[in-house]
PDB file of N, CA and C in Angstrom:
ATOM      1  N   MET A   1     157.228  50.056 -22.272  1.00  0.00           N
ATOM      2  CA  MET A   1     156.146  50.629 -20.839  1.00  0.00           C
ATOM      3  C   MET A   1     155.092  50.410 -20.700  1.00  0.00           C
ATOM      4  N   ARG A   2     154.457  49.578 -21.225  1.00  0.00           N
ATOM      5  CA  ARG A   2     152.922  48.947 -20.230  1.00  0.00           C
ATOM      6  C   ARG A   2     153.877  47.789 -19.412  1.00  0.00           C
ATOM      7  N   ASP A   3     154.971  47.043 -19.687  1.00  0.00           N
ATOM      8  CA  ASP A   3     155.386  46.134 -19.458  1.00  0.00           C
ATOM      9  C   ASP A   3     155.980  46.330 -18.014  1.00  0.00           C
ATOM     10  N   ILE A   4     156.530  47.721 -17.682  1.00  0.00           N
ATOM     11  CA  ILE A   4     156.746  48.610 -16.662  1.00  0.00           C
ATOM     12  C   ILE A   4     155.746  48.513 -15.950  1.00  0.00           C
ATOM     13  N   LEU A   5     154.745  49.034 -15.879  1.00  0.00           N
ATOM     14  CA  LEU A   5     153.164  50.078 -15.604  1.00  0.00           C
ATOM     15  C   LEU A   5     152.660  48.018 -14.835  1.00  0.00           C
ATOM     16  N   LYS A   6     153.357  47.378 -15.805  1.00  0.00           N
ATOM     17  CA  LYS A   6     152.195  46.265 -15.448  1.00  0.00           C
ATOM     18  C   LYS A   6     153.071  45.687 -14.306  1.00  0.00           C
ATOM     19  N   SER A   7     153.931  45.572 -13.930  1.00  0.00           N
ATOM     20  CA  SER A   7     155.175  45.406 -13.093  1.00  0.00           C
ATOM     21  C   SER A   7     154.783  46.071 -11.489  1.00  0.00           C
ATOM     22  N   LEU A   8     155.124  46.844 -12.153  1.00  0.00           N
ATOM     23  CA  LEU A   8     154.825  48.131 -10.553  1.00  0.00           C
ATOM     24  C   LEU A   8     153.253  47.784 -10.214  1.00  0.00           C
ATOM     25  N   ILE A   9     152.345  48.006 -11.165  1.00  0.00           N
ATOM     26  CA  ILE A   9     150.758  47.661 -10.466  1.00  0.00           C
ATOM     27  C   ILE A   9     151.144  46.198  -9.531  1.00  0.00           C
ATOM     28  N   ILE A  10     151.768  45.050 -10.285  1.00  0.00           N
ATOM     29  CA  ILE A  10     151.684  43.884  -9.123  1.00  0.00           C
ATOM     30  C   ILE A  10     152.544  43.869  -8.199  1.00  0.00           C
ATOM     31  N   VAL A  11     153.516  44.717  -8.246  1.00  0.00           N
ATOM     32  CA  VAL A  11     154.029  44.554  -7.202  1.00  0.00           C
ATOM     33  C   VAL A  11     153.948  45.902  -5.464  1.00  0.00           C
ATOM     34  N   VAL A  12     153.334  46.806  -6.260  1.00  0.00           N
ATOM     35  CA  VAL A  12     151.802  47.566  -5.294  1.00  0.00           C
ATOM     36  C   VAL A  12     150.953  46.374  -4.591  1.00  0.00           C
ATOM     37  N   PHE A  13     150.505  45.986  -5.345  1.00  0.00           N
ATOM     38  CA  PHE A  13     149.556  44.476  -4.794  1.00  0.00           C
ATOM     39  C   PHE A  13     150.316  43.939  -3.656  1.00  0.00           C
ATOM     40  N   ALA A  14     151.090  43.337  -4.103  1.00  0.00           N
ATOM     41  CA  ALA A  14     152.152  42.455  -3.251  1.00  0.00           C
ATOM     42  C   ALA A  14     152.090  43.340  -1.974  1.00  0.00           C
ATOM     43  N   VAL A  15     152.763  44.223  -2.053  1.00  0.00           N
ATOM     44  CA  VAL A  15     153.408  44.863  -0.967  1.00  0.00           C
ATOM     45  C   VAL A  15     152.141  45.433   0.005  1.00  0.00           C
ATOM     46  N   LEU A  16     150.646  45.980  -0.628  1.00  0.00           N
ATOM     47  CA  LEU A  16     149.727  46.385   0.050  1.00  0.00           C
ATOM     48  C   LEU A  16     149.123  44.977   0.846  1.00  0.00           C
ATOM     49  N   ILE A  17     149.604  43.937   0.167  1.00  0.00           N
ATOM     50  CA  ILE A  17     148.852  42.775   0.818  1.00  0.00           C
ATOM     51  C   ILE A  17     149.771  42.077   2.149  1.00  0.00           C
ATOM     52  N   GLY A  18     150.866  42.585   1.890  1.00  0.00           N
ATOM     53  CA  GLY A  18     151.829  41.790   3.246  1.00  0.00           C
ATOM     54  C   GLY A  18     151.236  42.811   4.156  1.00  0.00           C
ATOM     55  N   PHE A  19     151.348  44.455   3.441  1.00  0.00           N
ATOM     56  CA  PHE A  19     151.334  45.429   4.879  1.00  0.00           C
ATOM     57  C   PHE A  19     149.737  44.689   5.896  1.00  0.00           C
ATOM     58  N   SER A  20     148.686  44.367   4.887  1.00  0.00           N
ATOM     59  CA  SER A  20     147.349  44.283   5.755  1.00  0.00           C
ATOM     60  C   SER A  20     147.400  43.217   6.427  1.00  0.00           C
ATOM     61  N   ALA A  21     148.186  42.083   6.336  1.00  0.00           N
ATOM     62  CA  ALA A  21     148.647  40.589   6.663  1.00  0.00           C
ATOM     63  C   ALA A  21     149.255  41.487   8.210  1.00  0.00           C
ATOM     64  N   VAL A  22     149.967  42.362   7.534  1.00  0.00           N
ATOM     65  CA  VAL A  22     150.984  42.301   9.282  1.00  0.00           C
ATOM     66  C   VAL A  22     149.881  43.288  10.148  1.00  0.00           C
ATOM     67  N   PHE A  23     149.332  44.364   9.544  1.00  0.00           N
ATOM     68  CA  PHE A  23     148.568  45.163  10.314  1.00  0.00           C
ATOM     69  C   PHE A  23     147.690  44.637  10.911  1.00  0.00           C
ATOM     70  N   GLY A  24     146.990  43.345  10.573  1.00  0.00           N
ATOM     71  CA  GLY A  24     145.936  42.910  11.092  1.00  0.00           C
ATOM     72  C   GLY A  24     146.805  41.871  12.394  1.00  0.00           C
ATOM     73  N   TYR A  25     147.567  41.208  12.228  1.00  0.00           N
ATOM     74  CA  TYR A  25     148.466  40.510  13.080  1.00  0.00           C
ATOM     75  C   TYR A  25     148.614  42.122  14.249  1.00  0.00           C
ATOM     76  N   VAL A  26     149.226  43.161  13.794  1.00  0.00           N
ATOM     77  CA  VAL A  26     149.253  44.223  15.127  1.00  0.00           C
ATOM     78  C   VAL A  26     148.370  44.654  16.032  1.00  0.00           C
ATOM     79  N   ALA A  27     147.139  44.666  15.067  1.00  0.00           N
ATOM     80  CA  ALA A  27     145.946  45.206  15.492  1.00  0.00           C
ATOM     81  C   ALA A  27     145.295  43.978  16.110  1.00  0.00           C
ATOM     82  N   GLU A  28     145.508  42.844  16.033  1.00  0.00           N
ATOM     83  CA  GLU A  28     145.266  41.967  16.936  1.00  0.00           C
ATOM     84  C   GLU A  28     146.031  41.957  18.372  1.00  0.00           C
ATOM     85  N   LYS A  29     146.909  42.153  18.195  1.00  0.00           N
ATOM     86  CA  LYS A  29     147.849  42.188  19.055  1.00  0.00           C
ATOM     87  C   LYS A  29     147.778  43.061  20.242  1.00  0.00           C
ATOM     88  N   LEU A  30     147.248  44.446  19.666  1.00  0.00           N
ATOM     89  CA  LEU A  30     147.094  45.716  19.948  1.00  0.00           C
ATOM     90  C   LEU A  30     145.502  45.226  20.895  1.00  0.00           C
ATOM     91  N   MET A  31     144.837  44.266  20.541  1.00  0.00           N
ATOM     92  CA  MET A  31     143.627  44.538  21.137  1.00  0.00           C
ATOM     93  C   MET A  31     143.133  43.398  21.925  1.00  0.00           C
ATOM     94  N   ASN A  32     144.491  42.767  22.099  1.00  0.00           N
ATOM     95  CA  ASN A  32     144.276  41.088  22.663  1.00  0.00           C
ATOM     96  C   ASN A  32     143.388  40.212  22.283  1.00  0.00           C
ATOM     97  N   ALA A  33     143.030  40.392  21.077  1.00  0.00           N
ATOM     98  CA  ALA A  33     141.676  39.623  20.462  1.00  0.00           C
ATOM     99  C   ALA A  33     141.713  38.194  20.790  1.00  0.00           C
ATOM    100  N   GLN A  34     140.206  37.979  21.233  1.00  0.00           N
ATOM    101  CA  GLN A  34     140.294  36.096  21.327  1.00  0.00           C
ATOM    102  C   GLN A  34     139.031  35.912  20.572  1.00  0.00           C
ATOM    103  N   PRO A  35     138.718  35.058  19.889  1.00  0.00           N
ATOM    104  CA  PRO A  35     140.172  34.128  19.109  1.00  0.00           C
ATOM    105  C   PRO A  35     140.902  35.037  17.934  1.00  0.00           C
ATOM    106  N   PRO A  36     141.558  34.555  18.055  1.00  0.00           N
ATOM    107  CA  PRO A  36     142.532  35.518  16.691  1.00  0.00           C
ATOM    108  C   PRO A  36     142.772  35.849  15.693  1.00  0.00           C
ATOM    109  N   THR A  37     141.124  36.453  15.542  1.00  0.00           N
ATOM    110  CA  THR A  37     141.193  37.222  14.321  1.00  0.00           C
ATOM    111  C   THR A  37     142.025  38.128  13.335  1.00  0.00           C
ATOM    112  N   GLY A  38     143.056  38.400  13.991  1.00  0.00           N
ATOM    113  CA  GLY A  38     143.901  39.325  12.805  1.00  0.00           C
ATOM    114  C   GLY A  38     144.793  37.952  12.397  1.00  0.00           C
ATOM    115  N   THR A  39     144.811  36.829  12.947  1.00  0.00           N
ATOM    116  CA  THR A  39     146.075  36.077  12.579  1.00  0.00           C
ATOM    117  C   THR A  39     145.309  35.771  11.600  1.00  0.00           C
ATOM    118  N   ILE A  40     143.728  35.459  11.983  1.00  0.00           N
ATOM    119  CA  ILE A  40     143.430  34.159  10.890  1.00  0.00           C
ATOM    120  C   ILE A  40     143.058  34.998   9.441  1.00  0.00           C
ATOM    121  N   THR A  41     142.256  36.225   9.905  1.00  0.00           N
ATOM    122  CA  THR A  41     142.218  37.215   8.576  1.00  0.00           C
ATOM    123  C   THR A  41     143.674  37.583   7.526  1.00  0.00           C
ATOM    124  N   GLY A  42     144.672  37.823   8.392  1.00  0.00           N
ATOM    125  CA  GLY A  42     146.127  37.957   7.661  1.00  0.00           C
ATOM    126  C   GLY A  42     146.472  36.856   6.547  1.00  0.00           C
ATOM    127  N   ALA A  43     146.269  35.573   7.629  1.00  0.00           N
ATOM    128  CA  ALA A  43     146.349  34.754   6.401  1.00  0.00           C
ATOM    129  C   ALA A  43     145.643  34.530   5.277  1.00  0.00           C
ATOM    130  N   ILE A  44     144.313  34.927   4.961  1.00  0.00           N
ATOM    131  CA  ILE A  44     143.347  34.218   4.355  1.00  0.00           C
ATOM    132  C   ILE A  44     144.012  35.536   3.221  1.00  0.00           C
ATOM    133  N   ILE A  45     143.951  36.471   3.651  1.00  0.00           N
ATOM    134  CA  ILE A  45     144.341  37.590   2.587  1.00  0.00           C
ATOM    135  C   ILE A  45     145.501  37.401   1.863  1.00  0.00           C
ATOM    136  N   LEU A  46     146.565  36.877   2.791  1.00  0.00           N
ATOM    137  CA  LEU A  46     148.037  36.929   2.425  1.00  0.00           C
ATOM    138  C   LEU A  46     147.653  35.303   1.322  1.00  0.00           C
ATOM    139  N   VAL A  47     146.897  34.057   1.500  1.00  0.00           N
ATOM    140  CA  VAL A  47     147.055  33.525   0.138  1.00  0.00           C
ATOM    141  C   VAL A  47     146.154  33.956  -0.711  1.00  0.00           C
ATOM    142  N   ILE A  48     145.616  34.613  -0.604  1.00  0.00           N
ATOM    143  CA  ILE A  48     144.144  35.196  -1.866  1.00  0.00           C
ATOM    144  C   ILE A  48     145.272  35.636  -2.654  1.00  0.00           C
ATOM    145  N   GLY A  49     145.915  36.691  -1.852  1.00  0.00           N
ATOM    146  CA  GLY A  49     146.469  37.732  -2.403  1.00  0.00           C
ATOM    147  C   GLY A  49     147.985  36.966  -3.717  1.00  0.00           C
ATOM    148  N   THR A  50     148.463  35.960  -2.775  1.00  0.00           N
ATOM    149  CA  THR A  50     149.594  35.323  -3.182  1.00  0.00           C
ATOM    150  C   THR A  50     148.919  34.317  -4.489  1.00  0.00           C
ATOM    151  N   ILE A  51     147.524  33.945  -4.804  1.00  0.00           N
ATOM    152  CA  ILE A  51     147.286  33.370  -5.742  1.00  0.00           C
ATOM    153  C   ILE A  51     147.017  34.242  -6.707  1.00  0.00           C
ATOM    154  N   ALA A  52     146.294  35.549  -5.993  1.00  0.00           N
ATOM    155  CA  ALA A  52     146.066  36.371  -7.166  1.00  0.00           C
ATOM    156  C   ALA A  52     147.455  36.863  -8.082  1.00  0.00           C
ATOM    157  N   ILE A  53     148.395  37.241  -7.291  1.00  0.00           N
ATOM    158  CA  ILE A  53     149.472  37.425  -8.079  1.00  0.00           C
ATOM    159  C   ILE A  53     150.216  36.291  -8.960  1.00  0.00           C
ATOM    160  N   LEU A  54     150.066  34.896  -8.576  1.00  0.00           N
ATOM    161  CA  LEU A  54     150.838  34.301  -9.132  1.00  0.00           C
ATOM    162  C   LEU A  54     150.081  33.782 -10.513  1.00  0.00           C
ATOM    163  N   VAL A  55     148.533  34.311 -10.286  1.00  0.00           N
ATOM    164  CA  VAL A  55     147.424  33.839 -11.797  1.00  0.00           C
ATOM    165  C   VAL A  55     148.002  35.577 -12.262  1.00  0.00           C
ATOM    166  N   LEU A  56     148.551  36.329 -11.826  1.00  0.00           N
ATOM    167  CA  LEU A  56     148.624  37.217 -12.679  1.00  0.00           C
ATOM    168  C   LEU A  56     149.665  37.493 -13.540  1.00  0.00           C
ATOM    169  N   PHE A  57     151.071  36.981 -12.925  1.00  0.00           N
ATOM    170  CA  PHE A  57     152.533  36.215 -13.816  1.00  0.00           C
ATOM    171  C   PHE A  57     151.600  35.790 -14.301  1.00  0.00           C
ATOM    172  N   TRP A  58     151.294  34.318 -14.199  1.00  0.00           N
ATOM    173  CA  TRP A  58     151.089  33.110 -15.236  1.00  0.00           C
ATOM    174  C   TRP A  58     150.201  33.595 -16.452  1.00  0.00           C
ATOM    175  N   LYS A  59     149.357  34.182 -16.364  1.00  0.00           N
ATOM    176  CA  LYS A  59     148.742  35.105 -17.221  1.00  0.00           C
ATOM    177  C   LYS A  59     149.661  35.925 -17.937  1.00  0.00           C
ATOM    178  N   GLU A  60     150.312  36.549 -17.762  1.00  0.00           N
ATOM    179  CA  GLU A  60     151.619  37.401 -18.219  1.00  0.00           C
ATOM    180  C   GLU A  60     151.939  36.533 -19.283  1.00  0.00           C
ATOM    181  N   LYS A  61     152.947  35.526 -18.587  1.00  0.00           N
ATOM    182  CA  LYS A  61     153.922  34.770 -19.441  1.00  0.00           C
ATOM    183  C   LYS A  61     153.026  34.059 -20.873  1.00  0.00           C
ATOM    184  N   THR A  62     151.880  33.973 -20.725  1.00  0.00           N
ATOM    185  CA  THR A  62     151.275  33.207 -21.515  1.00  0.00           C
ATOM    186  C   THR A  62     150.763  33.713 -22.877  1.00  0.00           C
ATOM    187  N   ILE A  63     150.573  35.185 -22.586  1.00  0.00           N
ATOM    188  CA  ILE A  63     150.365  36.264 -23.752  1.00  0.00           C
ATOM    189  C   ILE A  63     151.172  36.376 -24.444  1.00  0.00           C
TER     190      ILE A  63
END
């Protein structure tokens, strides 16, 4: 049961990170932002989130 809960939490975090990157890009396009801050912010969030998820998976495998 705990493993299922941990997997669901990781999946929810992954989805939220993906949505935040997409919303950053869409907001940038809607506001015609210069410089492209939405894309930069989305990319940074995506990279940090991906690293965090990989660390969580690696930590689960080593326990």
